[in-house]
Amino acid sequence: MLTAVYARVSTGMQAMEGTSLDGQVELCIKKAKELHVIENELKIYKEEGFSGEDIERPAMNQLRQDVASGLVNCIIITHPDRLSRDLTDKLFVCREFESRNVNLIFVDTEYKNTPEGQLFFNLISVIAQYELSLIKKRTVRGRLIAVEKDNKVMPMRVPPYGYNWVEGYLEINDQEAVFVKLIYQWYVHDHLTLREIGTKLVELGAEPKRAESKNWSASSIQNILKSEVYIGKLYYNRRKTQKVKGERTKKGAPKKTYTYRDEKDWLLVTVPSIIDDPLFSRAQEQRTKNKKMSGNVKHEYLLKSLMRCGHCGRKWEATTYSGRPNNSTGIREKYKSYRCPNVNPKKYGPDVTSCPSRSIRAELLDGYVWNLIIEAISDPDDYKKRIEMKSTSVISELELAAESIKKQLTLKEKEKEKIKLMFMKELINEQEMDADFRTVKGIIDELQSQYNGYMRQIDSLNEKIMLEEKNNNVLLEINNFIRNKGENLEFHEKRYVVETLISELLLRCEESRIQVTAIGYLDELRSNLKAEQSVKLPLIVGELERRM
């Protein structure tokens, strides 16, 4: 039978006197000699770099396995906290050793299988667990202070792709930053899928940060596209970690659960940015739009998830209908359609009414809306000129009016000075001066109110101009995109155009026709085209009426 010597140190304790691995082993061997244990009957179990918080450790697991196999009848440890700092784990493993008739000996304290000895042992265990909690609390507090006051980035196993960790700060990795910019370019402007982006990265020789494999995963690319670190914002203290007692991951590590703290508890560290805020915002908008089109669908619907019923407010759905059997083949042809789900409600009862809207063939509505888009973006230069002419003329008029008011205010301020001068020369008395001041002040207050109103209108128009300039930039981008692709536009590219210009389509049935109202860029673009065209899209007529 063997006598086991178990020694453990956690990170940061190896240099402390009396707790180093060699120091613990030496003390345990000395204790074994006092107990007259023969040297060749000793087996050393060393645990380096493992916290006493978790009982699942390589050397401890081996020791427990040897005890279960009947190879060990005595275990020598310097102190109970080397066994574990968690009271529950410590009591559990001690009971396990006792059930195998293994004698447990501590160098620094006595542990006897008596009520008094167990009480003393449990008190020491409670103190050890309390000390562990204090150590963790001080460590976390120290890190948070360094982050908050010094803008420090704590050491990390793997820094974000595009960065290197250097002495408490993140520095841009120029080689990786090139690929980060390309990923955003491909996703936002070229509208590539994550798979296509990953393929391009591999072709260009870019390797993931951890380099465990040269292959890129969709999750790695997605993390780059949604992380705010690339616009210079690194957050600490966002997540709270909790170990799941007794459970481990597939790789053997302790299993953990994560919850997010309130945003007021987050700590922001400013780091060098690789991309700008507008590009990041566009990427988030694109990610949101892509989610709408996610899922396994058999058919492609250009307007899926963008339609809402003008009668009941429900989102229209995309579906298929089966036509009559073909006379020659007997096969029913499938027709893609859009419909309001309340046409055939799934609720039953006297108070349930069906929606008066009707189904519409998908290719008809898709084609109609696509033609409207092509018409609206056909002349971006004309759109820009109309914006400038309309906004410039209105702002000029407001500025002239404001300037006139400003001159009147100046004259009234001078009039106040004249009143003071007349009083000083005793041309008017104090009562007359007060009366004149009240009159002038009333006029000044009225003029100031008018001036402020004009300035608010000018600011509002300037904001509108900025918005319309943004619309124009979107229009130019879409126009160039379609022009470059020509007739070779793929479905996902047409879908991108539709989602960029249309936030929602409102559909309302009127007799044999369907009225379509676009909400979003398309509505704004059409309202700034020719005067005779309405902001709302015209009714769909002709073939659509006959085939609804």
Protein backbone atom coordinates (compact mmCIF):
# COMPACT_ATOMS: atom_id res chain seq x y z
CA MET A 1 0.00 0.00 0.00
CA LEU A 2 1.13 3.53 -0.79
CA THR A 3 1.28 6.73 1.23
CA ALA A 4 0.30 9.67 -0.98
CA VAL A 5 1.79 13.15 -0.71
CA TYR A 6 -0.49 15.76 -2.27
CA ALA A 7 0.73 19.32 -2.99
CA ARG A 8 -1.09 22.12 -4.81
CA VAL A 9 -0.36 25.70 -5.79
CA SER A 10 -2.57 28.09 -7.71
CA THR A 11 -1.38 30.88 -10.01
CA GLY A 12 0.42 33.60 -8.10
CA MET A 13 1.18 31.45 -5.02
CA GLN A 14 4.28 29.60 -6.20
CA ALA A 15 6.73 32.18 -4.89
CA MET A 16 5.10 32.50 -1.46
CA GLU A 17 7.17 30.97 1.33
CA GLY A 18 5.77 27.72 2.62
CA THR A 19 3.29 27.23 -0.20
CA SER A 20 5.56 26.41 -3.15
CA LEU A 21 5.21 22.90 -4.54
CA ASP A 22 8.70 21.81 -3.50
CA GLY A 23 8.21 23.35 -0.06
CA GLN A 24 4.96 21.47 0.46
CA VAL A 25 6.43 18.18 -0.74
CA GLU A 26 9.44 18.61 1.54
CA LEU A 27 7.24 19.20 4.60
CA CYS A 28 5.04 16.20 3.75
CA ILE A 29 8.03 13.87 3.27
CA LYS A 30 9.42 15.05 6.63
CA LYS A 31 6.06 14.18 8.22
CA ALA A 32 6.12 10.76 6.51
CA LYS A 33 9.56 10.02 7.98
CA GLU A 34 8.24 10.92 11.45
CA LEU A 35 5.51 8.33 10.84
CA HIS A 36 8.19 5.81 9.78
CA VAL A 37 6.93 5.56 6.19
CA ILE A 38 9.44 3.86 3.86
CA GLU A 39 10.58 6.12 0.97
CA ASN A 40 9.72 3.62 -1.79
CA GLU A 41 6.15 3.49 -0.44
CA LEU A 42 5.64 7.21 -1.10
CA LYS A 43 3.88 8.53 -4.21
CA ILE A 44 3.95 12.27 -4.98
CA TYR A 45 0.91 14.03 -6.53
CA LYS A 46 1.74 17.57 -7.69
CA GLU A 47 -0.92 20.05 -8.75
CA GLU A 48 0.51 23.23 -10.31
CA GLY A 49 -1.57 26.24 -11.43
CA PHE A 50 -4.97 24.98 -10.26
CA SER A 51 -7.32 26.93 -7.99
CA GLY A 52 -8.62 25.38 -4.79
CA GLU A 53 -12.09 26.55 -5.79
CA ASP A 54 -12.70 23.51 -8.03
CA ILE A 55 -12.14 19.93 -6.85
CA GLU A 56 -11.88 18.66 -10.45
CA ARG A 57 -8.07 18.77 -10.99
CA PRO A 58 -5.75 16.31 -12.82
CA ALA A 59 -3.57 15.21 -9.88
CA MET A 60 -6.53 15.18 -7.48
CA ASN A 61 -8.52 13.06 -9.95
CA GLN A 62 -5.59 10.61 -10.17
CA LEU A 63 -5.31 10.47 -6.38
CA ARG A 64 -9.04 9.76 -6.00
CA GLN A 65 -8.80 7.07 -8.66
CA ASP A 66 -5.87 5.39 -6.87
CA VAL A 67 -7.79 5.55 -3.57
CA ALA A 68 -10.83 3.94 -5.23
CA SER A 69 -8.54 1.19 -6.63
CA GLY A 70 -7.22 0.42 -3.15
CA LEU A 71 -3.63 1.52 -3.84
CA VAL A 72 -3.47 4.25 -1.19
CA ASN A 73 -4.09 3.91 2.54
CA CYS A 74 -2.68 7.24 3.77
CA ILE A 75 -2.62 10.79 2.42
CA ILE A 76 -0.33 13.54 3.76
CA ILE A 77 -1.14 17.21 2.97
CA THR A 78 0.36 20.38 4.47
CA HIS A 79 -2.96 22.13 5.18
CA PRO A 80 -6.69 21.58 4.53
CA ASP A 81 -6.85 24.52 2.07
CA ARG A 82 -4.42 22.61 -0.21
CA LEU A 83 -7.07 19.93 -0.49
CA SER A 84 -9.82 22.43 -1.41
CA ARG A 85 -11.01 25.91 -0.46
CA ASP A 86 -14.63 24.99 -1.01
CA LEU A 87 -16.20 23.59 2.15
CA THR A 88 -18.68 21.33 0.37
CA ASP A 89 -16.00 19.82 -1.91
CA LYS A 90 -13.65 19.38 1.03
CA LEU A 91 -16.20 17.53 3.14
CA PHE A 92 -17.25 15.40 0.18
CA VAL A 93 -13.74 14.22 -0.67
CA CYS A 94 -12.88 13.61 3.01
CA ARG A 95 -15.96 11.39 3.34
CA GLU A 96 -14.83 9.62 0.16
CA PHE A 97 -11.38 8.94 1.66
CA GLU A 98 -12.87 7.82 4.99
CA SER A 99 -15.20 5.34 3.27
CA ARG A 100 -12.06 3.69 1.80
CA ASN A 101 -10.38 3.60 5.22
CA VAL A 102 -7.72 6.07 4.10
CA ASN A 103 -5.94 7.97 6.89
CA LEU A 104 -5.85 11.73 6.14
CA ILE A 105 -2.96 13.61 7.79
CA PHE A 106 -2.31 17.37 7.74
CA VAL A 107 1.14 18.73 8.56
CA ASP A 108 0.02 22.12 9.91
CA THR A 109 -3.04 20.95 11.85
CA GLU A 110 -4.61 17.85 13.25
CA TYR A 111 -7.62 16.09 11.81
CA LYS A 112 -9.09 13.27 13.84
CA ASN A 113 -12.23 11.31 13.18
CA THR A 114 -13.87 12.63 16.34
CA PRO A 115 -16.66 15.21 16.81
CA GLU A 116 -14.12 17.73 18.18
CA GLY A 117 -11.66 17.11 15.37
CA GLN A 118 -14.33 17.39 12.68
CA LEU A 119 -15.63 20.64 14.19
CA PHE A 120 -12.13 22.10 14.21
CA PHE A 121 -11.56 20.93 10.62
CA ASN A 122 -14.86 22.44 9.45
CA LEU A 123 -14.05 25.78 11.09
CA ILE A 124 -10.71 25.89 9.26
CA SER A 125 -12.53 25.03 6.00
CA VAL A 126 -15.04 27.87 6.48
CA ILE A 127 -12.19 30.33 7.05
CA ALA A 128 -10.38 29.07 3.94
CA GLN A 129 -13.53 29.51 1.85
CA TYR A 130 -13.97 33.04 3.25
CA GLU A 131 -10.34 33.85 2.39
CA LEU A 132 -10.87 32.62 -1.17
CA SER A 133 -13.90 34.90 -1.55
CA LEU A 134 -11.88 37.86 -0.28
CA ILE A 135 -9.02 37.09 -2.68
CA LYS A 136 -11.42 36.95 -5.63
CA LYS A 137 -13.15 40.15 -4.54
CA ARG A 138 -9.87 42.06 -4.17
CA THR A 139 -8.59 40.76 -7.50
CA VAL A 140 -11.73 41.78 -9.36
CA ARG A 141 -11.82 45.19 -7.64
CA GLY A 142 -8.17 45.82 -8.52
CA ARG A 143 -8.77 44.98 -12.16
CA LEU A 144 -11.84 47.20 -12.39
CA ILE A 145 -9.95 50.14 -10.84
CA ALA A 146 -7.13 49.70 -13.38
CA VAL A 147 -9.67 49.61 -16.21
CA GLU A 148 -11.70 52.60 -15.01
CA LYS A 149 -8.89 54.94 -13.95
CA ASP A 150 -6.03 54.00 -16.27
CA ASN A 151 -7.99 52.88 -19.37
CA LYS A 152 -6.07 49.61 -19.09
CA VAL A 153 -6.85 46.45 -21.05
CA MET A 154 -6.42 43.41 -18.85
CA PRO A 155 -4.29 40.51 -20.17
CA MET A 156 -6.31 38.32 -22.50
CA ARG A 157 -5.69 34.82 -23.80
CA VAL A 158 -6.45 35.88 -27.35
CA PRO A 159 -6.90 39.58 -28.28
CA PRO A 160 -9.60 40.50 -30.83
CA TYR A 161 -8.75 39.87 -34.47
CA GLY A 162 -7.04 43.00 -35.80
CA TYR A 163 -5.32 43.85 -32.50
CA ASN A 164 -2.29 42.91 -30.40
CA TRP A 165 -2.20 43.18 -26.62
CA VAL A 166 0.89 45.15 -25.57
CA GLU A 167 1.56 45.99 -21.91
CA GLY A 168 -2.00 46.77 -20.91
CA TYR A 169 -3.19 48.29 -24.18
CA LEU A 170 -4.60 47.12 -27.51
CA GLU A 171 -2.58 48.11 -30.57
CA ILE A 172 -3.74 47.69 -34.15
CA ASN A 173 -2.26 44.72 -36.00
CA ASP A 174 -1.82 46.34 -39.42
CA GLN A 175 -1.88 43.05 -41.33
CA GLU A 176 -5.08 41.81 -39.69
CA ALA A 177 -6.72 45.26 -39.78
CA VAL A 178 -6.61 45.13 -43.59
CA PHE A 179 -8.80 42.01 -43.52
CA VAL A 180 -11.17 43.52 -40.94
CA LYS A 181 -11.81 46.44 -43.30
CA LEU A 182 -12.27 44.03 -46.20
CA ILE A 183 -14.81 41.98 -44.22
CA TYR A 184 -16.93 45.11 -43.63
CA GLN A 185 -16.49 46.18 -47.27
CA TRP A 186 -17.58 42.79 -48.60
CA TYR A 187 -20.54 42.57 -46.20
CA VAL A 188 -21.91 46.11 -46.42
CA HIS A 189 -21.05 47.29 -49.93
CA ASP A 190 -20.55 44.06 -51.93
CA HIS A 191 -23.34 42.20 -50.05
CA LEU A 192 -21.42 38.93 -49.81
CA THR A 193 -22.66 36.12 -47.58
CA LEU A 194 -20.63 34.92 -44.61
CA ARG A 195 -19.66 31.82 -46.58
CA GLU A 196 -18.44 33.94 -49.50
CA ILE A 197 -16.47 36.18 -47.12
CA GLY A 198 -14.86 33.14 -45.48
CA THR A 199 -13.88 31.75 -48.88
CA LYS A 200 -12.26 35.05 -49.88
CA LEU A 201 -10.33 35.23 -46.59
CA VAL A 202 -8.90 31.75 -47.13
CA GLU A 203 -8.01 32.57 -50.75
CA LEU A 204 -6.14 35.70 -49.61
CA GLY A 205 -4.19 33.75 -46.98
CA ALA A 206 -5.83 35.31 -43.89
CA GLU A 207 -5.78 33.04 -40.85
CA PRO A 208 -8.06 33.22 -37.80
CA LYS A 209 -6.52 34.63 -34.62
CA ARG A 210 -6.13 31.36 -32.77
CA ALA A 211 -4.84 29.61 -35.89
CA GLU A 212 -6.05 26.22 -34.60
CA SER A 213 -7.35 25.82 -38.13
CA LYS A 214 -6.83 27.89 -41.26
CA ASN A 215 -10.56 27.68 -41.93
CA TRP A 216 -12.84 30.57 -41.02
CA SER A 217 -16.17 29.90 -39.33
CA ALA A 218 -19.35 31.90 -39.78
CA SER A 219 -19.36 32.68 -36.04
CA SER A 220 -15.84 34.19 -36.20
CA ILE A 221 -16.83 36.50 -39.07
CA GLN A 222 -20.13 37.34 -37.35
CA ASN A 223 -18.26 38.28 -34.16
CA ILE A 224 -16.08 40.70 -36.13
CA LEU A 225 -19.15 42.27 -37.75
CA LYS A 226 -20.95 42.89 -34.46
CA SER A 227 -18.12 43.79 -32.07
CA GLU A 228 -17.91 47.45 -31.03
CA VAL A 229 -14.17 47.08 -30.39
CA TYR A 230 -13.62 47.94 -34.08
CA ILE A 231 -15.09 51.41 -33.53
CA GLY A 232 -12.90 51.90 -30.47
CA LYS A 233 -15.20 50.63 -27.68
CA LEU A 234 -14.10 47.75 -25.46
CA TYR A 235 -16.41 46.97 -22.54
CA TYR A 236 -15.51 45.33 -19.22
CA ASN A 237 -17.76 44.00 -16.49
CA ARG A 238 -20.55 43.24 -18.95
CA ARG A 239 -20.98 39.58 -18.07
CA LYS A 240 -21.35 37.81 -14.76
CA THR A 241 -19.86 34.30 -14.65
CA GLN A 242 -21.22 31.48 -12.54
CA LYS A 243 -19.76 27.96 -12.41
CA VAL A 244 -22.23 25.10 -12.70
CA LYS A 245 -21.49 22.79 -9.81
CA GLY A 246 -20.47 19.29 -10.85
CA GLU A 247 -20.80 19.90 -14.62
CA ARG A 248 -18.03 20.13 -17.18
CA THR A 249 -17.70 20.95 -20.88
CA LYS A 250 -16.81 18.40 -23.56
CA LYS A 251 -13.14 19.44 -23.21
CA GLY A 252 -13.24 18.83 -19.45
CA ALA A 253 -13.26 22.45 -18.27
CA PRO A 254 -15.73 23.56 -15.57
CA LYS A 255 -19.05 24.49 -17.13
CA LYS A 256 -20.09 28.14 -16.68
CA THR A 257 -23.21 30.19 -17.20
CA TYR A 258 -23.18 33.84 -18.25
CA THR A 259 -25.61 36.66 -17.57
CA TYR A 260 -25.37 40.32 -18.59
CA ARG A 261 -25.15 43.08 -16.00
CA ASP A 262 -27.00 46.39 -16.32
CA GLU A 263 -25.34 48.79 -18.76
CA LYS A 264 -24.68 51.27 -15.93
CA ASP A 265 -22.20 48.74 -14.49
CA TRP A 266 -20.24 48.36 -17.73
CA LEU A 267 -16.79 49.95 -17.97
CA LEU A 268 -15.73 51.45 -21.29
CA VAL A 269 -12.10 51.32 -22.41
CA THR A 270 -11.22 53.43 -25.44
CA VAL A 271 -9.04 51.58 -27.96
CA PRO A 272 -7.83 52.50 -31.48
CA SER A 273 -10.63 52.09 -34.02
CA ILE A 274 -10.24 50.22 -37.32
CA ILE A 275 -13.51 51.28 -38.99
CA ASP A 276 -15.78 54.32 -38.61
CA ASP A 277 -19.17 54.51 -36.88
CA PRO A 278 -21.31 54.90 -40.06
CA LEU A 279 -19.85 51.73 -41.61
CA PHE A 280 -20.42 49.80 -38.36
CA SER A 281 -24.04 51.04 -38.24
CA ARG A 282 -24.60 49.91 -41.84
CA ALA A 283 -23.28 46.47 -40.93
CA GLN A 284 -25.72 46.19 -38.01
CA GLU A 285 -28.61 47.24 -40.25
CA GLN A 286 -27.57 44.61 -42.78
CA ARG A 287 -27.39 41.93 -40.06
CA THR A 288 -30.93 42.82 -38.97
CA LYS A 289 -32.20 42.61 -42.52
CA ASN A 290 -30.48 39.27 -43.09
CA LYS A 291 -32.25 37.82 -40.06
CA LYS A 292 -35.58 38.53 -41.72
CA MET A 293 -34.59 36.35 -44.64
CA SER A 294 -33.10 33.56 -42.53
CA GLY A 295 -34.60 30.10 -42.46
CA ASN A 296 -35.02 27.19 -44.82
CA VAL A 297 -37.48 28.19 -47.52
CA LYS A 298 -38.27 26.34 -50.73
CA HIS A 299 -39.12 29.44 -52.76
CA GLU A 300 -37.70 32.93 -53.11
CA TYR A 301 -40.00 35.84 -52.25
CA LEU A 302 -38.70 39.31 -53.05
CA LEU A 303 -41.04 41.11 -50.62
CA LYS A 304 -41.16 38.55 -47.81
CA SER A 305 -41.62 40.06 -44.28
CA LEU A 306 -42.00 43.59 -45.72
CA MET A 307 -45.79 43.65 -46.19
CA ARG A 308 -48.49 44.67 -43.73
CA CYS A 309 -52.27 44.52 -44.17
CA GLY A 310 -53.98 47.92 -44.43
CA HIS A 311 -57.23 46.44 -43.10
CA CYS A 312 -56.28 44.46 -39.97
CA GLY A 313 -52.61 45.37 -39.45
CA ARG A 314 -51.26 41.79 -39.66
CA LYS A 315 -48.00 41.01 -41.43
CA TRP A 316 -48.66 39.41 -44.81
CA GLU A 317 -47.14 35.98 -45.34
CA ALA A 318 -45.54 34.29 -48.34
CA THR A 319 -47.04 30.96 -49.38
CA THR A 320 -47.83 28.74 -52.38
CA TYR A 321 -51.07 27.61 -53.99
CA SER A 322 -51.67 24.55 -56.10
CA GLY A 323 -53.33 25.15 -59.44
CA ARG A 324 -55.48 22.78 -61.47
CA PRO A 325 -53.85 19.53 -62.66
CA ASN A 326 -52.10 19.80 -66.02
CA ASN A 327 -54.14 18.01 -68.72
CA SER A 328 -51.11 16.18 -70.13
CA THR A 329 -49.08 15.43 -67.02
CA GLY A 330 -51.71 15.56 -64.28
CA ILE A 331 -49.27 17.52 -62.08
CA ARG A 332 -50.55 20.52 -60.15
CA GLU A 333 -48.47 23.62 -60.78
CA LYS A 334 -47.38 25.61 -57.72
CA TYR A 335 -48.00 29.38 -57.60
CA LYS A 336 -46.14 31.70 -55.26
CA SER A 337 -48.48 34.12 -53.52
CA TYR A 338 -48.76 36.72 -50.77
CA ARG A 339 -51.74 36.89 -48.42
CA CYS A 340 -52.93 38.23 -45.09
CA PRO A 341 -53.13 35.37 -42.53
CA ASN A 342 -56.46 36.76 -41.28
CA VAL A 343 -58.17 35.90 -44.58
CA ASN A 344 -58.58 32.43 -43.07
CA PRO A 345 -58.19 33.06 -39.31
CA LYS A 346 -57.20 30.14 -37.10
CA LYS A 347 -59.54 31.32 -34.35
CA TYR A 348 -63.19 30.29 -34.41
CA GLY A 349 -66.30 31.79 -32.88
CA PRO A 350 -69.06 34.37 -33.43
CA ASP A 351 -66.74 37.31 -32.69
CA VAL A 352 -64.07 36.25 -35.19
CA THR A 353 -64.19 37.99 -38.56
CA SER A 354 -61.99 37.33 -41.56
CA CYS A 355 -59.94 40.07 -43.22
CA PRO A 356 -61.46 41.52 -46.44
CA SER A 357 -58.08 41.51 -48.21
CA ARG A 358 -57.29 39.02 -50.97
CA SER A 359 -54.31 36.96 -52.04
CA ILE A 360 -52.03 38.24 -54.77
CA ARG A 361 -49.64 36.40 -57.07
CA ALA A 362 -46.05 37.00 -55.90
CA GLU A 363 -44.54 37.56 -59.34
CA LEU A 364 -47.08 40.32 -60.10
CA LEU A 365 -46.46 42.30 -56.93
CA ASP A 366 -42.70 41.65 -57.06
CA GLY A 367 -42.51 42.89 -60.64
CA TYR A 368 -44.63 45.96 -59.96
CA VAL A 369 -42.58 47.08 -56.93
CA TRP A 370 -39.29 46.40 -58.74
CA ASN A 371 -40.38 48.58 -61.68
CA LEU A 372 -41.27 51.37 -59.24
CA ILE A 373 -37.78 51.13 -57.74
CA ILE A 374 -36.09 51.30 -61.16
CA GLU A 375 -38.21 54.35 -62.02
CA ALA A 376 -37.45 56.11 -58.73
CA ILE A 377 -33.66 55.68 -58.92
CA SER A 378 -33.32 56.29 -62.66
CA ASP A 379 -32.11 59.90 -62.31
CA PRO A 380 -30.22 60.54 -59.03
CA ASP A 381 -28.75 63.81 -60.35
CA ASP A 382 -32.26 65.23 -60.94
CA TYR A 383 -33.28 64.17 -57.44
CA LYS A 384 -30.26 65.94 -55.95
CA LYS A 385 -30.95 69.14 -57.91
CA ARG A 386 -34.58 69.24 -56.78
CA ILE A 387 -33.51 68.82 -53.15
CA GLU A 388 -31.00 71.65 -53.42
CA MET A 389 -33.40 73.99 -55.24
CA LYS A 390 -36.30 73.40 -52.85
CA SER A 391 -34.24 73.58 -49.65
CA THR A 392 -32.03 76.51 -50.73
CA SER A 393 -34.97 78.75 -51.68
CA VAL A 394 -36.87 78.13 -48.43
CA ILE A 395 -33.79 78.59 -46.22
CA SER A 396 -32.85 81.79 -48.05
CA GLU A 397 -36.28 83.27 -47.36
CA LEU A 398 -36.09 82.32 -43.69
CA GLU A 399 -32.57 83.73 -43.35
CA LEU A 400 -33.71 87.08 -44.87
CA ALA A 401 -36.64 87.24 -42.45
CA ALA A 402 -34.38 86.37 -39.49
CA GLU A 403 -31.84 89.02 -40.53
CA SER A 404 -34.61 91.64 -40.70
CA ILE A 405 -35.75 90.73 -37.18
CA LYS A 406 -32.14 90.89 -35.96
CA LYS A 407 -31.79 94.47 -37.28
CA GLN A 408 -35.00 95.50 -35.50
CA LEU A 409 -33.65 93.99 -32.26
CA THR A 410 -30.49 96.05 -32.63
CA LEU A 411 -32.54 99.23 -33.09
CA LYS A 412 -34.64 98.48 -30.02
CA GLU A 413 -31.52 97.90 -27.91
CA LYS A 414 -30.28 101.33 -29.01
CA GLU A 415 -33.69 102.76 -28.11
CA LYS A 416 -33.23 101.49 -24.54
CA GLU A 417 -29.93 103.36 -24.34
CA LYS A 418 -31.65 106.56 -25.55
CA ILE A 419 -34.29 106.22 -22.80
CA LYS A 420 -31.52 105.94 -20.19
CA LEU A 421 -29.82 109.02 -21.64
CA MET A 422 -33.07 111.03 -21.57
CA PHE A 423 -33.54 110.11 -17.90
CA MET A 424 -29.98 111.13 -17.06
CA LYS A 425 -30.55 114.52 -18.76
CA GLU A 426 -33.77 114.81 -16.74
CA LEU A 427 -35.89 115.02 -19.89
CA ILE A 428 -38.15 112.30 -18.45
CA ASN A 429 -38.83 111.22 -14.89
CA GLU A 430 -38.37 107.74 -13.39
CA GLN A 431 -41.98 106.69 -13.93
CA GLU A 432 -41.86 107.70 -17.60
CA MET A 433 -38.57 105.83 -17.99
CA ASP A 434 -40.06 102.64 -16.46
CA ALA A 435 -43.10 102.89 -18.73
CA ASP A 436 -40.92 103.34 -21.84
CA PHE A 437 -38.70 100.42 -20.78
CA ARG A 438 -41.70 98.11 -20.35
CA THR A 439 -42.98 99.04 -23.81
CA VAL A 440 -39.59 98.48 -25.48
CA LYS A 441 -39.01 95.23 -23.56
CA GLY A 442 -42.36 93.86 -24.74
CA ILE A 443 -41.43 94.61 -28.34
CA ILE A 444 -37.94 93.06 -27.88
CA ASP A 445 -39.44 89.87 -26.34
CA GLU A 446 -41.84 89.54 -29.28
CA LEU A 447 -39.08 90.12 -31.83
CA GLN A 448 -36.78 87.64 -30.04
CA SER A 449 -39.53 85.02 -30.09
CA GLN A 450 -39.99 85.52 -33.85
CA TYR A 451 -36.22 85.36 -34.42
CA ASN A 452 -35.91 82.13 -32.41
CA GLY A 453 -38.79 80.63 -34.40
CA TYR A 454 -37.08 81.42 -37.71
CA MET A 455 -33.79 79.93 -36.46
CA ARG A 456 -35.56 76.74 -35.35
CA GLN A 457 -37.08 76.39 -38.80
CA ILE A 458 -33.67 76.91 -40.42
CA ASP A 459 -32.09 74.26 -38.15
CA SER A 460 -34.94 71.87 -38.90
CA LEU A 461 -34.51 72.38 -42.65
CA ASN A 462 -30.75 71.89 -42.40
CA GLU A 463 -31.36 68.59 -40.60
CA LYS A 464 -33.80 67.63 -43.35
CA ILE A 465 -31.18 68.51 -45.99
CA MET A 466 -28.68 66.26 -44.23
CA LEU A 467 -31.24 63.43 -44.20
CA GLU A 468 -32.05 63.97 -47.89
CA GLU A 469 -28.34 64.02 -48.71
CA LYS A 470 -28.09 60.68 -46.95
CA ASN A 471 -31.03 59.46 -49.03
CA ASN A 472 -29.26 60.69 -52.14
CA ASN A 473 -26.09 58.81 -51.20
CA VAL A 474 -28.15 55.65 -50.77
CA LEU A 475 -29.81 56.32 -54.12
CA LEU A 476 -26.45 56.77 -55.87
CA GLU A 477 -25.09 53.60 -54.31
CA ILE A 478 -28.12 51.55 -55.38
CA ASN A 479 -28.12 53.12 -58.85
CA ASN A 480 -24.43 52.28 -59.39
CA PHE A 481 -24.96 48.81 -57.96
CA ILE A 482 -27.79 48.00 -60.40
CA ARG A 483 -26.01 49.66 -63.32
CA ASN A 484 -22.86 47.57 -62.75
CA LYS A 485 -24.81 44.34 -62.43
CA GLY A 486 -27.20 45.02 -65.29
CA GLU A 487 -29.46 42.08 -66.06
CA ASN A 488 -27.27 39.73 -63.98
CA LEU A 489 -28.72 40.70 -60.61
CA GLU A 490 -29.16 37.63 -58.42
CA PHE A 491 -32.12 37.24 -56.06
CA HIS A 492 -30.24 38.17 -52.87
CA GLU A 493 -28.91 41.29 -54.61
CA LYS A 494 -32.39 42.40 -55.66
CA ARG A 495 -33.57 41.66 -52.14
CA TYR A 496 -30.81 43.93 -50.78
CA VAL A 497 -32.02 46.77 -53.03
CA VAL A 498 -35.63 46.29 -51.92
CA GLU A 499 -34.72 46.21 -48.21
CA THR A 500 -32.57 49.32 -48.55
CA LEU A 501 -35.32 51.39 -50.16
CA ILE A 502 -38.42 49.96 -48.46
CA SER A 503 -39.04 49.57 -44.74
CA GLU A 504 -42.60 48.34 -45.22
CA LEU A 505 -45.33 47.97 -47.81
CA LEU A 506 -48.91 48.71 -46.74
CA LEU A 507 -51.45 46.72 -48.81
CA ARG A 508 -55.16 47.50 -48.98
CA CYS A 509 -57.78 45.90 -51.23
CA GLU A 510 -60.32 48.15 -52.93
CA GLU A 511 -62.83 46.18 -55.00
CA SER A 512 -60.77 44.44 -57.68
CA ARG A 513 -57.61 46.43 -57.04
CA ILE A 514 -54.87 46.55 -54.40
CA GLN A 515 -53.48 49.86 -53.20
CA VAL A 516 -49.79 49.71 -52.29
CA THR A 517 -48.13 52.34 -50.07
CA ALA A 518 -44.36 52.24 -49.64
CA ILE A 519 -42.80 53.39 -46.38
CA GLY A 520 -39.10 54.24 -46.37
CA TYR A 521 -36.59 55.66 -48.85
CA LEU A 522 -38.73 54.79 -51.87
CA ASP A 523 -41.58 56.94 -50.54
CA GLU A 524 -39.20 59.86 -49.96
CA LEU A 525 -37.56 59.49 -53.36
CA ARG A 526 -40.87 59.45 -55.22
CA SER A 527 -42.15 62.50 -53.32
CA ASN A 528 -39.17 64.47 -54.64
CA LEU A 529 -39.61 63.44 -58.27
CA LYS A 530 -42.10 65.05 -60.64
CA ALA A 531 -44.86 67.13 -59.07
CA GLU A 532 -47.70 65.18 -60.65
CA GLN A 533 -46.62 61.92 -59.02
CA SER A 534 -48.12 61.06 -55.66
CA VAL A 535 -46.18 60.10 -52.53
CA LYS A 536 -48.31 56.96 -52.30
CA LEU A 537 -47.87 54.37 -54.98
CA PRO A 538 -50.73 54.22 -57.50
CA LEU A 539 -53.23 51.36 -57.58
CA ILE A 540 -52.19 48.18 -59.30
CA VAL A 541 -54.38 47.72 -62.36
CA GLY A 542 -54.52 45.71 -65.56
CA GLU A 543 -53.30 42.14 -65.42
CA LEU A 544 -53.18 42.26 -61.66
CA GLU A 545 -56.95 42.89 -61.46
CA ARG A 546 -57.71 39.85 -63.57
CA ARG A 547 -55.36 37.42 -61.81
CA MET A 548 -55.65 38.28 -58.12
